[in-house]
Amino acid sequence: MIIPRGPDIGALGVVIHRQWRRLKSWSAANAEV
């Protein structure tokens, strides 16, 4: 995975963080079922 450097890293980091939290919560919900 390529990690960009520069002004975009802030916004990109937020997007990745949101997707990561969604993925973890989704997988956790499926694991409980």
PDB file of N, CA and C in Angstrom:
ATOM      1  N   MET A   1       0.842  -1.193   0.000  1.00  0.00           N
ATOM      2  CA  MET A   1       0.000   0.000   0.000  1.00  0.00           C
ATOM      3  C   MET A   1       0.877   1.242   0.000  1.00  0.00           C
ATOM      4  N   ILE A   2       0.543   2.142  -0.894  1.00  0.00           N
ATOM      5  CA  ILE A   2       1.342   3.373  -1.001  1.00  0.00           C
ATOM      6  C   ILE A   2       0.803   4.424  -0.040  1.00  0.00           C
ATOM      7  N   ILE A   3       1.702   4.965   0.765  1.00  0.00           N
ATOM      8  CA  ILE A   3       1.298   6.004   1.714  1.00  0.00           C
ATOM      9  C   ILE A   3       1.703   7.370   1.163  1.00  0.00           C
ATOM     10  N   PRO A   4       0.725   8.191   0.774  1.00  0.00           N
ATOM     11  CA  PRO A   4       1.019   9.511   0.210  1.00  0.00           C
ATOM     12  C   PRO A   4       1.551  10.467   1.264  1.00  0.00           C
ATOM     13  N   ARG A   5       2.354  11.394   0.829  1.00  0.00           N
ATOM     14  CA  ARG A   5       2.882  12.395   1.749  1.00  0.00           C
ATOM     15  C   ARG A   5       2.532  13.778   1.216  1.00  0.00           C
ATOM     16  N   GLY A   6       2.142  14.669   2.119  1.00  0.00           N
ATOM     17  CA  GLY A   6       1.786  16.013   1.682  1.00  0.00           C
ATOM     18  C   GLY A   6       0.477  16.466   2.310  1.00  0.00           C
ATOM     19  N   PRO A   7      -0.141  17.480   1.754  1.00  0.00           N
ATOM     20  CA  PRO A   7      -1.365  18.057   2.314  1.00  0.00           C
ATOM     21  C   PRO A   7      -2.524  17.064   2.350  1.00  0.00           C
ATOM     22  N   ASP A   8      -2.487  16.054   1.470  1.00  0.00           N
ATOM     23  CA  ASP A   8      -3.600  15.127   1.353  1.00  0.00           C
ATOM     24  C   ASP A   8      -3.648  14.117   2.503  1.00  0.00           C
ATOM     25  N   ILE A   9      -2.532  13.936   3.202  1.00  0.00           N
ATOM     26  CA  ILE A   9      -2.460  12.885   4.215  1.00  0.00           C
ATOM     27  C   ILE A   9      -3.479  13.098   5.328  1.00  0.00           C
ATOM     28  N   GLY A  10      -3.781  14.344   5.661  1.00  0.00           N
ATOM     29  CA  GLY A  10      -4.736  14.616   6.734  1.00  0.00           C
ATOM     30  C   GLY A  10      -6.126  14.110   6.382  1.00  0.00           C
ATOM     31  N   ALA A  11      -6.653  14.556   5.236  1.00  0.00           N
ATOM     32  CA  ALA A  11      -7.988  14.150   4.811  1.00  0.00           C
ATOM     33  C   ALA A  11      -8.030  12.655   4.533  1.00  0.00           C
ATOM     34  N   LEU A  12      -6.997  12.148   3.896  1.00  0.00           N
ATOM     35  CA  LEU A  12      -6.952  10.728   3.563  1.00  0.00           C
ATOM     36  C   LEU A  12      -6.920   9.889   4.823  1.00  0.00           C
ATOM     37  N   GLY A  13      -6.170  10.338   5.815  1.00  0.00           N
ATOM     38  CA  GLY A  13      -6.084   9.610   7.076  1.00  0.00           C
ATOM     39  C   GLY A  13      -7.448   9.526   7.756  1.00  0.00           C
ATOM     40  N   VAL A  14      -8.221  10.602   7.673  1.00  0.00           N
ATOM     41  CA  VAL A  14      -9.556  10.616   8.280  1.00  0.00           C
ATOM     42  C   VAL A  14     -10.455   9.610   7.576  1.00  0.00           C
ATOM     43  N   VAL A  15     -10.395   9.584   6.253  1.00  0.00           N
ATOM     44  CA  VAL A  15     -11.229   8.659   5.479  1.00  0.00           C
ATOM     45  C   VAL A  15     -10.873   7.220   5.812  1.00  0.00           C
ATOM     46  N   ILE A  16      -9.574   6.920   5.841  1.00  0.00           N
ATOM     47  CA  ILE A  16      -9.134   5.551   6.147  1.00  0.00           C
ATOM     48  C   ILE A  16      -9.560   5.172   7.563  1.00  0.00           C
ATOM     49  N   HIS A  17      -9.429   6.116   8.492  1.00  0.00           N
ATOM     50  CA  HIS A  17      -9.787   5.844   9.880  1.00  0.00           C
ATOM     51  C   HIS A  17     -11.276   5.507   9.990  1.00  0.00           C
ATOM     52  N   ARG A  18     -12.105   6.273   9.278  1.00  0.00           N
ATOM     53  CA  ARG A  18     -13.553   6.024   9.319  1.00  0.00           C
ATOM     54  C   ARG A  18     -13.871   4.658   8.738  1.00  0.00           C
ATOM     55  N   GLN A  19     -13.253   4.323   7.605  1.00  0.00           N
ATOM     56  CA  GLN A  19     -13.503   3.027   6.968  1.00  0.00           C
ATOM     57  C   GLN A  19     -13.013   1.902   7.858  1.00  0.00           C
ATOM     58  N   TRP A  20     -11.887   2.112   8.527  1.00  0.00           N
ATOM     59  CA  TRP A  20     -11.316   1.076   9.398  1.00  0.00           C
ATOM     60  C   TRP A  20     -12.251   0.798  10.575  1.00  0.00           C
ATOM     61  N   ARG A  21     -12.783   1.876  11.172  1.00  0.00           N
ATOM     62  CA  ARG A  21     -13.702   1.701  12.299  1.00  0.00           C
ATOM     63  C   ARG A  21     -14.970   0.994  11.840  1.00  0.00           C
ATOM     64  N   ARG A  22     -15.465   1.339  10.649  1.00  0.00           N
ATOM     65  CA  ARG A  22     -16.662   0.698  10.121  1.00  0.00           C
ATOM     66  C   ARG A  22     -16.409  -0.780   9.892  1.00  0.00           C
ATOM     67  N   LEU A  23     -15.229  -1.087   9.359  1.00  0.00           N
ATOM     68  CA  LEU A  23     -14.889  -2.484   9.071  1.00  0.00           C
ATOM     69  C   LEU A  23     -14.782  -3.281  10.364  1.00  0.00           C
ATOM     70  N   LYS A  24     -14.143  -2.688  11.382  1.00  0.00           N
ATOM     71  CA  LYS A  24     -13.986  -3.401  12.651  1.00  0.00           C
ATOM     72  C   LYS A  24     -15.336  -3.632  13.309  1.00  0.00           C
ATOM     73  N   SER A  25     -16.196  -2.623  13.306  1.00  0.00           N
ATOM     74  CA  SER A  25     -17.507  -2.765  13.943  1.00  0.00           C
ATOM     75  C   SER A  25     -18.345  -3.783  13.179  1.00  0.00           C
ATOM     76  N   TRP A  26     -18.224  -3.794  11.853  1.00  0.00           N
ATOM     77  CA  TRP A  26     -18.984  -4.733  11.020  1.00  0.00           C
ATOM     78  C   TRP A  26     -18.536  -6.167  11.268  1.00  0.00           C
ATOM     79  N   SER A  27     -17.239  -6.369  11.302  1.00  0.00           N
ATOM     80  CA  SER A  27     -16.710  -7.719  11.524  1.00  0.00           C
ATOM     81  C   SER A  27     -17.028  -8.182  12.949  1.00  0.00           C
ATOM     82  N   ALA A  28     -16.989  -7.271  13.904  1.00  0.00           N
ATOM     83  CA  ALA A  28     -17.300  -7.621  15.287  1.00  0.00           C
ATOM     84  C   ALA A  28     -18.766  -8.023  15.411  1.00  0.00           C
ATOM     85  N   ALA A  29     -19.642  -7.313  14.701  1.00  0.00           N
ATOM     86  CA  ALA A  29     -21.068  -7.629  14.748  1.00  0.00           C
ATOM     87  C   ALA A  29     -21.311  -9.013  14.154  1.00  0.00           C
ATOM     88  N   ASN A  30     -20.628  -9.330  13.071  1.00  0.00           N
ATOM     89  CA  ASN A  30     -20.798 -10.639  12.434  1.00  0.00           C
ATOM     90  C   ASN A  30     -20.242 -11.752  13.319  1.00  0.00           C
ATOM     91  N   ALA A  31     -19.188 -11.452  14.054  1.00  0.00           N
ATOM     92  CA  ALA A  31     -18.566 -12.471  14.896  1.00  0.00           C
ATOM     93  C   ALA A  31     -19.499 -12.836  16.054  1.00  0.00           C
ATOM     94  N   GLU A  32     -20.296 -11.865  16.514  1.00  0.00           N
ATOM     95  CA  GLU A  32     -21.191 -12.115  17.642  1.00  0.00           C
ATOM     96  C   GLU A  32     -22.383 -12.976  17.229  1.00  0.00           C
ATOM     97  N   VAL A  33     -22.765 -12.900  15.979  1.00  0.00           N
ATOM     98  CA  VAL A  33     -23.935 -13.645  15.496  1.00  0.00           C
ATOM     99  C   VAL A  33     -23.632 -15.135  15.462  1.00  0.00           C
TER     100      VAL A  33
END
